Amino acid sequence: MGLRRCFLALGLVVAGAGGSAIPAGAAVAPVDPFATGAMRSFLHSRAGDVTAAVENLWTGRTYLYRPGVAEHTASIVKVDILETLLHELHGSPLPPGVAGTAQGMIEFSDNNDATALWNREGGAPAVAAYDRLIGMSQTRPNGAWGLTSTTALDQIKLLRQLVDPRPPGFLTPGGRAYELGLMGSVTPSQRWGVSGGVPGGVGIALKNGWLPEHGGWQINSIGHIDGGERDYLIAVLTSGNPSEGYGIGTIQGIAAITFAELAEQEAGMWGYGVEAGGWGPTSETAAAGRAAAREGERRLADRASG
């Protein structure tokens, strides 16, 4: 049990240096990462369409940016494809050869592997049935799986199946661990996106999607971030990006600011008396977002040149 959890178990949170302990559960203003000055400034500076959602698993609060906006999934639907298959198996071992196909689909985003599993489990009707089961009411599976439409909130519902052990539990513990393990082992060249601004040593399980469309690039990233006194789900969907790298940069900037802003919420839970300026000056948090955006664009350029 971490130090923070120990204090919470004792019914106390610790104030800053020189301060006194205050009762756990004392009113602490929750931090909506999309309502902060740093995030508003960053989003205002970016072109394209953006919708996003974050669920803080410490507090159970979910935050939405442009809720209800539907986007094409591109390859993030592969998380849905594998969840559907694992649900259909009801805890039975993966059939021979399927494990390698699932690994290729998630870790390397192999489209042929995705199509093979999509067809094996019953295609769009099977995925739609699973989506209805877990409450993904805003997702519409398409026969061309990459053109499935979804919302950021529905992607949070999808990710929640991988981390929430409470009933009714549509996936077995082994199934959840298996899929999260694949998402935590994505090939390095694809580990951009919601990992932006997240330091080493923090657990990252993610899946990205990218698709050139008329009017710009569809760039998406979803995942689970666990560590550094944070535990949250995040989904960022973007379209109309002038380039693949630009969309990656937008997501990385959002991810970096989210990671920083949720630190402010944790500080409040510790009793540090976080003011509107938060853990650090808003300008510093915004700078972190811009730096992560530049890093995302640079990584794509390096991949292309390599």
C-alpha atoms as a PDB file:
ATOM      1  CA  MET A   1       0.000   0.000   0.000  1.00  0.00           C
ATOM      2  CA  GLY A   2       1.411   3.405  -0.985  1.00  0.00           C
ATOM      3  CA  LEU A   3       2.028   6.158   1.560  1.00  0.00           C
ATOM      4  CA  ARG A   4      -0.950   8.160   0.339  1.00  0.00           C
ATOM      5  CA  ARG A   5      -3.282   5.171   0.700  1.00  0.00           C
ATOM      6  CA  CYS A   6      -1.937   4.495   4.194  1.00  0.00           C
ATOM      7  CA  PHE A   7      -2.876   7.983   5.347  1.00  0.00           C
ATOM      8  CA  LEU A   8      -6.298   7.714   3.745  1.00  0.00           C
ATOM      9  CA  ALA A   9      -6.829   4.415   5.536  1.00  0.00           C
ATOM     10  CA  LEU A  10      -6.079   6.223   8.803  1.00  0.00           C
ATOM     11  CA  GLY A  11      -8.647   8.868   7.958  1.00  0.00           C
ATOM     12  CA  LEU A  12      -6.079  11.620   7.457  1.00  0.00           C
ATOM     13  CA  VAL A  13      -4.469  13.471   4.628  1.00  0.00           C
ATOM     14  CA  VAL A  14      -1.254  15.386   5.108  1.00  0.00           C
ATOM     15  CA  ALA A  15      -0.941  19.113   4.676  1.00  0.00           C
ATOM     16  CA  GLY A  16       2.049  20.798   3.108  1.00  0.00           C
ATOM     17  CA  ALA A  17       5.190  21.648   5.013  1.00  0.00           C
ATOM     18  CA  GLY A  18       4.316  23.327   8.264  1.00  0.00           C
ATOM     19  CA  GLY A  19       0.628  22.539   7.848  1.00  0.00           C
ATOM     20  CA  SER A  20      -1.598  20.299   9.912  1.00  0.00           C
ATOM     21  CA  ALA A  21      -3.386  17.132   8.977  1.00  0.00           C
ATOM     22  CA  ILE A  22      -7.001  17.519   7.914  1.00  0.00           C
ATOM     23  CA  PRO A  23      -9.690  14.828   7.928  1.00  0.00           C
ATOM     24  CA  ALA A  24      -9.903  12.637   4.878  1.00  0.00           C
ATOM     25  CA  GLY A  25     -13.019  13.381   2.900  1.00  0.00           C
ATOM     26  CA  ALA A  26     -12.802  17.114   3.558  1.00  0.00           C
ATOM     27  CA  ALA A  27     -14.221  19.092   0.639  1.00  0.00           C
ATOM     28  CA  VAL A  28     -11.678  19.349  -2.154  1.00  0.00           C
ATOM     29  CA  ALA A  29     -12.610  21.035  -5.401  1.00  0.00           C
ATOM     30  CA  PRO A  30     -12.263  18.403  -8.155  1.00  0.00           C
ATOM     31  CA  VAL A  31     -10.083  19.306 -11.092  1.00  0.00           C
ATOM     32  CA  ASP A  32     -11.729  19.109 -14.496  1.00  0.00           C
ATOM     33  CA  PRO A  33      -8.676  18.915 -16.765  1.00  0.00           C
ATOM     34  CA  PHE A  34     -10.660  20.305 -19.697  1.00  0.00           C
ATOM     35  CA  ALA A  35     -11.749  23.405 -17.789  1.00  0.00           C
ATOM     36  CA  THR A  36      -8.311  24.625 -16.732  1.00  0.00           C
ATOM     37  CA  GLY A  37      -6.646  27.637 -18.269  1.00  0.00           C
ATOM     38  CA  ALA A  38      -3.756  25.560 -19.529  1.00  0.00           C
ATOM     39  CA  MET A  39      -6.006  23.145 -21.392  1.00  0.00           C
ATOM     40  CA  ARG A  40      -8.283  25.846 -22.796  1.00  0.00           C
ATOM     41  CA  SER A  41      -5.260  27.751 -24.069  1.00  0.00           C
ATOM     42  CA  PHE A  42      -3.751  24.677 -25.685  1.00  0.00           C
ATOM     43  CA  LEU A  43      -6.979  23.553 -27.347  1.00  0.00           C
ATOM     44  CA  HIS A  44      -7.597  27.062 -28.660  1.00  0.00           C
ATOM     45  CA  SER A  45      -4.211  26.913 -30.384  1.00  0.00           C
ATOM     46  CA  ARG A  46      -4.899  23.666 -32.274  1.00  0.00           C
ATOM     47  CA  ALA A  47      -6.662  23.134 -35.594  1.00  0.00           C
ATOM     48  CA  GLY A  48      -8.988  20.239 -36.335  1.00  0.00           C
ATOM     49  CA  ASP A  49     -11.866  18.691 -34.386  1.00  0.00           C
ATOM     50  CA  VAL A  50     -11.231  17.285 -30.921  1.00  0.00           C
ATOM     51  CA  THR A  51     -13.368  15.388 -28.451  1.00  0.00           C
ATOM     52  CA  ALA A  52     -12.050  13.728 -25.308  1.00  0.00           C
ATOM     53  CA  ALA A  53     -12.930  12.064 -22.031  1.00  0.00           C
ATOM     54  CA  VAL A  54     -11.064  11.258 -18.824  1.00  0.00           C
ATOM     55  CA  GLU A  55     -12.188   9.091 -15.930  1.00  0.00           C
ATOM     56  CA  ASN A  56     -10.225   9.539 -12.708  1.00  0.00           C
ATOM     57  CA  LEU A  57     -10.338   6.089 -11.136  1.00  0.00           C
ATOM     58  CA  TRP A  58      -9.303   7.488  -7.737  1.00  0.00           C
ATOM     59  CA  THR A  59     -12.431   9.620  -7.504  1.00  0.00           C
ATOM     60  CA  GLY A  60     -14.820   7.965  -9.963  1.00  0.00           C
ATOM     61  CA  ARG A  61     -15.353  11.286 -11.726  1.00  0.00           C
ATOM     62  CA  THR A  62     -15.559  11.467 -15.512  1.00  0.00           C
ATOM     63  CA  TYR A  63     -14.748  14.638 -17.443  1.00  0.00           C
ATOM     64  CA  LEU A  64     -15.824  15.303 -21.017  1.00  0.00           C
ATOM     65  CA  TYR A  65     -14.731  17.681 -23.740  1.00  0.00           C
ATOM     66  CA  ARG A  66     -17.336  18.114 -26.472  1.00  0.00           C
ATOM     67  CA  PRO A  67     -19.432  15.137 -25.367  1.00  0.00           C
ATOM     68  CA  GLY A  68     -21.495  13.287 -27.923  1.00  0.00           C
ATOM     69  CA  VAL A  69     -19.284  14.179 -30.887  1.00  0.00           C
ATOM     70  CA  ALA A  70     -18.878  11.028 -32.994  1.00  0.00           C
ATOM     71  CA  GLU A  71     -15.645  10.150 -34.763  1.00  0.00           C
ATOM     72  CA  HIS A  72     -14.357   7.226 -36.784  1.00  0.00           C
ATOM     73  CA  THR A  73     -12.395   4.798 -34.662  1.00  0.00           C
ATOM     74  CA  ALA A  74      -9.632   3.869 -37.092  1.00  0.00           C
ATOM     75  CA  SER A  75      -7.527   1.247 -35.285  1.00  0.00           C
ATOM     76  CA  ILE A  76      -8.662   1.921 -31.720  1.00  0.00           C
ATOM     77  CA  VAL A  77     -11.594  -0.366 -32.602  1.00  0.00           C
ATOM     78  CA  LYS A  78      -9.105  -3.228 -32.240  1.00  0.00           C
ATOM     79  CA  VAL A  79      -9.533  -2.954 -28.458  1.00  0.00           C
ATOM     80  CA  ASP A  80     -13.259  -3.530 -29.008  1.00  0.00           C
ATOM     81  CA  ILE A  81     -12.589  -6.449 -31.361  1.00  0.00           C
ATOM     82  CA  LEU A  82     -10.446  -8.252 -28.793  1.00  0.00           C
ATOM     83  CA  GLU A  83     -12.816  -7.541 -25.903  1.00  0.00           C
ATOM     84  CA  THR A  84     -15.661  -9.000 -27.960  1.00  0.00           C
ATOM     85  CA  LEU A  85     -13.663 -12.159 -28.637  1.00  0.00           C
ATOM     86  CA  LEU A  86     -12.626 -12.572 -24.991  1.00  0.00           C
ATOM     87  CA  HIS A  87     -16.236 -12.157 -23.903  1.00  0.00           C
ATOM     88  CA  GLU A  88     -17.387 -14.771 -26.385  1.00  0.00           C
ATOM     89  CA  LEU A  89     -14.806 -17.237 -25.037  1.00  0.00           C
ATOM     90  CA  HIS A  90     -16.156 -16.892 -21.468  1.00  0.00           C
ATOM     91  CA  GLY A  91     -12.740 -17.556 -19.972  1.00  0.00           C
ATOM     92  CA  SER A  92     -11.827 -20.467 -22.254  1.00  0.00           C
ATOM     93  CA  PRO A  93      -8.270 -20.480 -23.631  1.00  0.00           C
ATOM     94  CA  LEU A  94      -7.684 -18.737 -26.924  1.00  0.00           C
ATOM     95  CA  PRO A  95      -7.886 -21.243 -29.798  1.00  0.00           C
ATOM     96  CA  PRO A  96      -4.591 -22.289 -31.426  1.00  0.00           C
ATOM     97  CA  GLY A  97      -3.086 -19.495 -33.471  1.00  0.00           C
ATOM     98  CA  VAL A  98      -5.446 -16.839 -32.147  1.00  0.00           C
ATOM     99  CA  ALA A  99      -3.072 -15.547 -29.493  1.00  0.00           C
ATOM    100  CA  GLY A 100      -0.499 -14.600 -32.108  1.00  0.00           C
ATOM    101  CA  THR A 101      -3.172 -12.912 -34.197  1.00  0.00           C
ATOM    102  CA  ALA A 102      -4.402 -10.909 -31.199  1.00  0.00           C
ATOM    103  CA  GLN A 103      -0.849  -9.900 -30.364  1.00  0.00           C
ATOM    104  CA  GLY A 104      -0.236  -8.685 -33.901  1.00  0.00           C
ATOM    105  CA  MET A 105      -3.494  -6.731 -33.904  1.00  0.00           C
ATOM    106  CA  ILE A 106      -2.830  -4.874 -30.643  1.00  0.00           C
ATOM    107  CA  GLU A 107       0.948  -4.625 -30.344  1.00  0.00           C
ATOM    108  CA  PHE A 108       1.640  -3.886 -34.024  1.00  0.00           C
ATOM    109  CA  SER A 109      -1.806  -2.721 -35.195  1.00  0.00           C
ATOM    110  CA  ASP A 110      -1.768  -5.324 -37.961  1.00  0.00           C
ATOM    111  CA  ASN A 111      -4.882  -4.835 -40.091  1.00  0.00           C
ATOM    112  CA  ASN A 112      -4.920  -8.363 -41.509  1.00  0.00           C
ATOM    113  CA  ASP A 113      -4.904  -9.756 -37.978  1.00  0.00           C
ATOM    114  CA  ALA A 114      -7.744  -7.416 -37.055  1.00  0.00           C
ATOM    115  CA  THR A 115      -9.808  -8.546 -40.031  1.00  0.00           C
ATOM    116  CA  ALA A 116      -9.183 -12.207 -39.176  1.00  0.00           C
ATOM    117  CA  LEU A 117     -10.458 -11.773 -35.604  1.00  0.00           C
ATOM    118  CA  TRP A 118     -13.329  -9.535 -36.736  1.00  0.00           C
ATOM    119  CA  ASN A 119     -14.537 -12.237 -39.101  1.00  0.00           C
ATOM    120  CA  ARG A 120     -13.934 -15.049 -36.601  1.00  0.00           C
ATOM    121  CA  GLU A 121     -16.154 -13.512 -33.925  1.00  0.00           C
ATOM    122  CA  GLY A 122     -18.981 -12.524 -36.266  1.00  0.00           C
ATOM    123  CA  GLY A 123     -18.065  -9.049 -37.556  1.00  0.00           C
ATOM    124  CA  ALA A 124     -20.104  -5.921 -36.934  1.00  0.00           C
ATOM    125  CA  PRO A 125     -23.172  -7.698 -35.439  1.00  0.00           C
ATOM    126  CA  ALA A 126     -21.027  -9.461 -32.827  1.00  0.00           C
ATOM    127  CA  VAL A 127     -19.166  -6.312 -31.847  1.00  0.00           C
ATOM    128  CA  ALA A 128     -22.422  -4.348 -31.740  1.00  0.00           C
ATOM    129  CA  ALA A 129     -23.952  -6.939 -29.407  1.00  0.00           C
ATOM    130  CA  TYR A 130     -21.002  -6.676 -27.016  1.00  0.00           C
ATOM    131  CA  ASP A 131     -21.087  -2.886 -27.176  1.00  0.00           C
ATOM    132  CA  ARG A 132     -24.765  -2.867 -26.226  1.00  0.00           C
ATOM    133  CA  LEU A 133     -24.019  -5.214 -23.356  1.00  0.00           C
ATOM    134  CA  ILE A 134     -21.494  -2.831 -21.797  1.00  0.00           C
ATOM    135  CA  GLY A 135     -23.539   0.309 -22.438  1.00  0.00           C
ATOM    136  CA  MET A 136     -21.743   1.744 -25.471  1.00  0.00           C
ATOM    137  CA  SER A 137     -24.885   3.339 -26.841  1.00  0.00           C
ATOM    138  CA  GLN A 138     -23.066   5.849 -29.064  1.00  0.00           C
ATOM    139  CA  THR A 139     -20.944   3.373 -31.036  1.00  0.00           C
ATOM    140  CA  ARG A 140     -21.947   2.049 -34.454  1.00  0.00           C
ATOM    141  CA  PRO A 141     -19.762  -0.824 -35.752  1.00  0.00           C
ATOM    142  CA  ASN A 142     -19.203  -0.641 -39.489  1.00  0.00           C
ATOM    143  CA  GLY A 143     -18.584  -3.546 -41.868  1.00  0.00           C
ATOM    144  CA  ALA A 144     -15.360  -1.729 -42.687  1.00  0.00           C
ATOM    145  CA  TRP A 145     -14.206  -1.880 -39.067  1.00  0.00           C
ATOM    146  CA  GLY A 146     -11.974   1.208 -39.176  1.00  0.00           C
ATOM    147  CA  LEU A 147     -15.005   3.340 -40.074  1.00  0.00           C
ATOM    148  CA  THR A 148     -16.880   2.362 -36.928  1.00  0.00           C
ATOM    149  CA  SER A 149     -18.211   5.536 -35.314  1.00  0.00           C
ATOM    150  CA  THR A 150     -17.862   6.170 -31.596  1.00  0.00           C
ATOM    151  CA  THR A 151     -17.596   8.840 -28.921  1.00  0.00           C
ATOM    152  CA  ALA A 152     -14.927   9.520 -26.322  1.00  0.00           C
ATOM    153  CA  LEU A 153     -17.306   8.544 -23.504  1.00  0.00           C
ATOM    154  CA  ASP A 154     -18.053   5.192 -25.130  1.00  0.00           C
ATOM    155  CA  GLN A 155     -14.325   4.545 -25.358  1.00  0.00           C
ATOM    156  CA  ILE A 156     -14.054   5.153 -21.617  1.00  0.00           C
ATOM    157  CA  LYS A 157     -16.803   2.565 -21.110  1.00  0.00           C
ATOM    158  CA  LEU A 158     -14.818   0.141 -23.258  1.00  0.00           C
ATOM    159  CA  LEU A 159     -11.598   0.741 -21.300  1.00  0.00           C
ATOM    160  CA  ARG A 160     -13.451   0.415 -18.001  1.00  0.00           C
ATOM    161  CA  GLN A 161     -14.126  -3.251 -18.765  1.00  0.00           C
ATOM    162  CA  LEU A 162     -10.364  -3.831 -18.603  1.00  0.00           C
ATOM    163  CA  VAL A 163      -9.808  -2.287 -15.161  1.00  0.00           C
ATOM    164  CA  ASP A 164     -13.032  -2.689 -13.185  1.00  0.00           C
ATOM    165  CA  PRO A 165     -13.359  -6.077 -11.420  1.00  0.00           C
ATOM    166  CA  ARG A 166     -16.808  -5.344  -9.981  1.00  0.00           C
ATOM    167  CA  PRO A 167     -19.907  -7.252 -11.120  1.00  0.00           C
ATOM    168  CA  PRO A 168     -21.363  -7.829 -13.604  1.00  0.00           C
ATOM    169  CA  GLY A 169     -17.875  -8.249 -15.101  1.00  0.00           C
ATOM    170  CA  PHE A 170     -18.207  -9.052 -18.781  1.00  0.00           C
ATOM    171  CA  LEU A 171     -14.564 -10.141 -19.004  1.00  0.00           C
ATOM    172  CA  THR A 172     -12.736 -12.608 -16.781  1.00  0.00           C
ATOM    173  CA  PRO A 173      -9.786 -11.411 -14.653  1.00  0.00           C
ATOM    174  CA  GLY A 174      -7.491 -13.339 -16.974  1.00  0.00           C
ATOM    175  CA  GLY A 175      -9.034 -11.748 -20.031  1.00  0.00           C
ATOM    176  CA  ARG A 176      -8.658  -8.252 -18.610  1.00  0.00           C
ATOM    177  CA  ALA A 177      -5.030  -8.844 -17.692  1.00  0.00           C
ATOM    178  CA  TYR A 178      -4.303 -10.376 -21.085  1.00  0.00           C
ATOM    179  CA  GLU A 179      -5.611  -7.458 -23.109  1.00  0.00           C
ATOM    180  CA  LEU A 180      -4.064  -4.827 -20.851  1.00  0.00           C
ATOM    181  CA  GLY A 181      -0.773  -6.679 -21.153  1.00  0.00           C
ATOM    182  CA  LEU A 182      -0.885  -6.427 -24.936  1.00  0.00           C
ATOM    183  CA  MET A 183      -1.776  -2.726 -24.744  1.00  0.00           C
ATOM    184  CA  GLY A 184       1.158  -2.219 -22.394  1.00  0.00           C
ATOM    185  CA  SER A 185       3.511  -3.858 -24.889  1.00  0.00           C
ATOM    186  CA  VAL A 186       2.707  -1.852 -28.007  1.00  0.00           C
ATOM    187  CA  THR A 187       5.686  -1.549 -30.315  1.00  0.00           C
ATOM    188  CA  PRO A 188       7.743   1.574 -29.437  1.00  0.00           C
ATOM    189  CA  SER A 189       6.998   3.391 -32.698  1.00  0.00           C
ATOM    190  CA  GLN A 190       3.294   3.346 -31.786  1.00  0.00           C
ATOM    191  CA  ARG A 191       3.575   4.378 -28.131  1.00  0.00           C
ATOM    192  CA  TRP A 192       2.594   7.975 -28.805  1.00  0.00           C
ATOM    193  CA  GLY A 193      -0.693   9.640 -27.917  1.00  0.00           C
ATOM    194  CA  VAL A 194      -2.164   9.447 -24.425  1.00  0.00           C
ATOM    195  CA  SER A 195       1.344   8.599 -23.199  1.00  0.00           C
ATOM    196  CA  GLY A 196       2.355  12.216 -23.899  1.00  0.00           C
ATOM    197  CA  GLY A 197       3.944  13.899 -20.880  1.00  0.00           C
ATOM    198  CA  VAL A 198       3.759  10.733 -18.774  1.00  0.00           C
ATOM    199  CA  PRO A 199       7.139  10.060 -17.121  1.00  0.00           C
ATOM    200  CA  GLY A 200       8.991   6.784 -17.071  1.00  0.00           C
ATOM    201  CA  GLY A 201       7.950   4.319 -14.404  1.00  0.00           C
ATOM    202  CA  VAL A 202       4.240   5.039 -14.853  1.00  0.00           C
ATOM    203  CA  GLY A 203       2.155   2.220 -16.289  1.00  0.00           C
ATOM    204  CA  ILE A 204       0.796   2.935 -19.767  1.00  0.00           C
ATOM    205  CA  ALA A 205      -1.576   0.659 -21.666  1.00  0.00           C
ATOM    206  CA  LEU A 206      -2.775   2.207 -24.919  1.00  0.00           C
ATOM    207  CA  LYS A 207      -4.021   1.732 -28.447  1.00  0.00           C
ATOM    208  CA  ASN A 208      -3.833   4.312 -31.191  1.00  0.00           C
ATOM    209  CA  GLY A 209      -5.588   4.774 -34.506  1.00  0.00           C
ATOM    210  CA  TRP A 210      -4.667   6.775 -37.586  1.00  0.00           C
ATOM    211  CA  LEU A 211      -6.480   7.077 -40.885  1.00  0.00           C
ATOM    212  CA  PRO A 212      -6.163   9.552 -43.777  1.00  0.00           C
ATOM    213  CA  GLU A 213      -9.628  10.781 -44.735  1.00  0.00           C
ATOM    214  CA  HIS A 214     -11.114  13.412 -46.990  1.00  0.00           C
ATOM    215  CA  GLY A 215     -10.668  16.647 -45.084  1.00  0.00           C
ATOM    216  CA  GLY A 216      -7.707  15.562 -43.002  1.00  0.00           C
ATOM    217  CA  TRP A 217      -6.304  12.843 -40.777  1.00  0.00           C
ATOM    218  CA  GLN A 218      -8.285  10.932 -38.169  1.00  0.00           C
ATOM    219  CA  ILE A 219      -5.930  10.463 -35.204  1.00  0.00           C
ATOM    220  CA  ASN A 220      -7.115   8.782 -31.985  1.00  0.00           C
ATOM    221  CA  SER A 221      -5.581   7.426 -28.806  1.00  0.00           C
ATOM    222  CA  ILE A 222      -7.125   5.634 -25.823  1.00  0.00           C
ATOM    223  CA  GLY A 223      -5.565   4.109 -22.741  1.00  0.00           C
ATOM    224  CA  HIS A 224      -5.057   3.529 -19.044  1.00  0.00           C
ATOM    225  CA  ILE A 225      -2.464   5.505 -17.070  1.00  0.00           C
ATOM    226  CA  ASP A 226      -1.554   4.075 -13.670  1.00  0.00           C
ATOM    227  CA  GLY A 227       1.245   5.358 -11.465  1.00  0.00           C
ATOM    228  CA  GLY A 228       2.767   8.541 -10.098  1.00  0.00           C
ATOM    229  CA  GLU A 229      -0.201   8.783  -7.685  1.00  0.00           C
ATOM    230  CA  ARG A 230      -2.598   8.777 -10.613  1.00  0.00           C
ATOM    231  CA  ASP A 231      -4.949   6.172 -12.026  1.00  0.00           C
ATOM    232  CA  TYR A 232      -7.155   7.204 -14.923  1.00  0.00           C
ATOM    233  CA  LEU A 233      -8.650   6.272 -18.281  1.00  0.00           C
ATOM    234  CA  ILE A 234      -8.335   8.656 -21.195  1.00  0.00           C
ATOM    235  CA  ALA A 235      -9.712   8.786 -24.730  1.00  0.00           C
ATOM    236  CA  VAL A 236      -8.873  11.497 -27.256  1.00  0.00           C
ATOM    237  CA  LEU A 237     -10.416  11.460 -30.737  1.00  0.00           C
ATOM    238  CA  THR A 238      -9.413  13.990 -33.395  1.00  0.00           C
ATOM    239  CA  SER A 239     -10.228  14.581 -37.043  1.00  0.00           C
ATOM    240  CA  GLY A 240      -9.521  17.183 -39.709  1.00  0.00           C
ATOM    241  CA  ASN A 241      -5.832  17.218 -38.835  1.00  0.00           C
ATOM    242  CA  PRO A 242      -3.617  18.701 -41.561  1.00  0.00           C
ATOM    243  CA  SER A 243      -1.122  15.852 -41.079  1.00  0.00           C
ATOM    244  CA  GLU A 244      -0.652  12.669 -39.083  1.00  0.00           C
ATOM    245  CA  GLY A 245       2.055  14.288 -36.989  1.00  0.00           C
ATOM    246  CA  TYR A 246      -0.115  17.294 -36.215  1.00  0.00           C
ATOM    247  CA  GLY A 247      -2.898  15.085 -34.839  1.00  0.00           C
ATOM    248  CA  ILE A 248      -0.414  13.134 -32.737  1.00  0.00           C
ATOM    249  CA  GLY A 249       0.882  16.430 -31.380  1.00  0.00           C
ATOM    250  CA  THR A 250      -2.605  17.552 -30.391  1.00  0.00           C
ATOM    251  CA  ILE A 251      -3.249  14.330 -28.472  1.00  0.00           C
ATOM    252  CA  GLN A 252       0.158  14.391 -26.792  1.00  0.00           C
ATOM    253  CA  GLY A 253      -0.432  17.945 -25.611  1.00  0.00           C
ATOM    254  CA  ILE A 254      -3.841  17.063 -24.166  1.00  0.00           C
ATOM    255  CA  ALA A 255      -2.355  14.004 -22.482  1.00  0.00           C
ATOM    256  CA  ALA A 256       0.500  15.954 -20.896  1.00  0.00           C
ATOM    257  CA  ILE A 257      -1.789  18.637 -19.502  1.00  0.00           C
ATOM    258  CA  THR A 258      -4.198  16.000 -18.199  1.00  0.00           C
ATOM    259  CA  PHE A 259      -1.403  14.209 -16.370  1.00  0.00           C
ATOM    260  CA  ALA A 260      -0.258  17.482 -14.812  1.00  0.00           C
ATOM    261  CA  GLU A 261      -3.742  18.690 -13.910  1.00  0.00           C
ATOM    262  CA  LEU A 262      -4.710  15.430 -12.229  1.00  0.00           C
ATOM    263  CA  ALA A 263      -1.634  15.905 -10.051  1.00  0.00           C
ATOM    264  CA  GLU A 264      -3.351  19.049  -8.818  1.00  0.00           C
ATOM    265  CA  GLN A 265      -6.389  17.018  -7.849  1.00  0.00           C
ATOM    266  CA  GLU A 266      -4.184  14.555  -5.989  1.00  0.00           C
ATOM    267  CA  ALA A 267      -2.528  17.475  -4.231  1.00  0.00           C
ATOM    268  CA  GLY A 268      -5.938  18.660  -3.120  1.00  0.00           C
ATOM    269  CA  MET A 269      -6.727  15.194  -1.808  1.00  0.00           C
ATOM    270  CA  TRP A 270      -3.501  15.363   0.181  1.00  0.00           C
ATOM    271  CA  GLY A 271      -4.638  18.657   1.699  1.00  0.00           C
ATOM    272  CA  TYR A 272      -2.178  20.998   0.056  1.00  0.00           C
ATOM    273  CA  GLY A 273      -4.839  23.656  -0.434  1.00  0.00           C
ATOM    274  CA  VAL A 274      -4.429  23.913  -4.169  1.00  0.00           C
ATOM    275  CA  GLU A 275      -5.562  27.266  -5.468  1.00  0.00           C
ATOM    276  CA  ALA A 276      -6.839  28.064  -8.929  1.00  0.00           C
ATOM    277  CA  GLY A 277      -3.255  28.175 -10.132  1.00  0.00           C
ATOM    278  CA  GLY A 278      -2.846  24.557  -9.114  1.00  0.00           C
ATOM    279  CA  TRP A 279       0.248  22.506  -8.530  1.00  0.00           C
ATOM    280  CA  GLY A 280       2.366  24.824 -10.581  1.00  0.00           C
ATOM    281  CA  PRO A 281       1.771  27.993 -12.579  1.00  0.00           C
ATOM    282  CA  THR A 282      -0.735  27.516 -15.367  1.00  0.00           C
ATOM    283  CA  SER A 283       1.904  28.760 -17.785  1.00  0.00           C
ATOM    284  CA  GLU A 284       4.170  25.857 -16.797  1.00  0.00           C
ATOM    285  CA  THR A 285       1.391  23.313 -17.332  1.00  0.00           C
ATOM    286  CA  ALA A 286       0.540  24.826 -20.700  1.00  0.00           C
ATOM    287  CA  ALA A 287       4.234  24.777 -21.634  1.00  0.00           C
ATOM    288  CA  ALA A 288       4.336  21.074 -20.798  1.00  0.00           C
ATOM    289  CA  GLY A 289       1.441  20.502 -23.177  1.00  0.00           C
ATOM    290  CA  ARG A 290       3.117  22.417 -25.974  1.00  0.00           C
ATOM    291  CA  ALA A 291       6.367  20.534 -25.413  1.00  0.00           C
ATOM    292  CA  ALA A 292       4.544  17.189 -25.575  1.00  0.00           C
ATOM    293  CA  ALA A 293       2.833  18.274 -28.796  1.00  0.00           C
ATOM    294  CA  ARG A 294       6.188  19.134 -30.375  1.00  0.00           C
ATOM    295  CA  GLU A 295       7.610  15.825 -29.174  1.00  0.00           C
ATOM    296  CA  GLY A 296       4.742  13.941 -30.795  1.00  0.00           C
ATOM    297  CA  GLU A 297       5.300  15.633 -34.132  1.00  0.00           C
ATOM    298  CA  ARG A 298       9.063  15.082 -33.871  1.00  0.00           C
ATOM    299  CA  ARG A 299       8.668  11.369 -33.134  1.00  0.00           C
ATOM    300  CA  LEU A 300       6.592  10.892 -36.256  1.00  0.00           C
ATOM    301  CA  ALA A 301       9.165  12.755 -38.343  1.00  0.00           C
ATOM    302  CA  ASP A 302      11.927  10.547 -36.924  1.00  0.00           C
ATOM    303  CA  ARG A 303       9.893   7.406 -37.701  1.00  0.00           C
ATOM    304  CA  ALA A 304       9.296   8.568 -41.271  1.00  0.00           C
ATOM    305  CA  SER A 305      12.965   9.415 -41.843  1.00  0.00           C
ATOM    306  CA  GLY A 306      14.139   6.175 -40.199  1.00  0.00           C
END
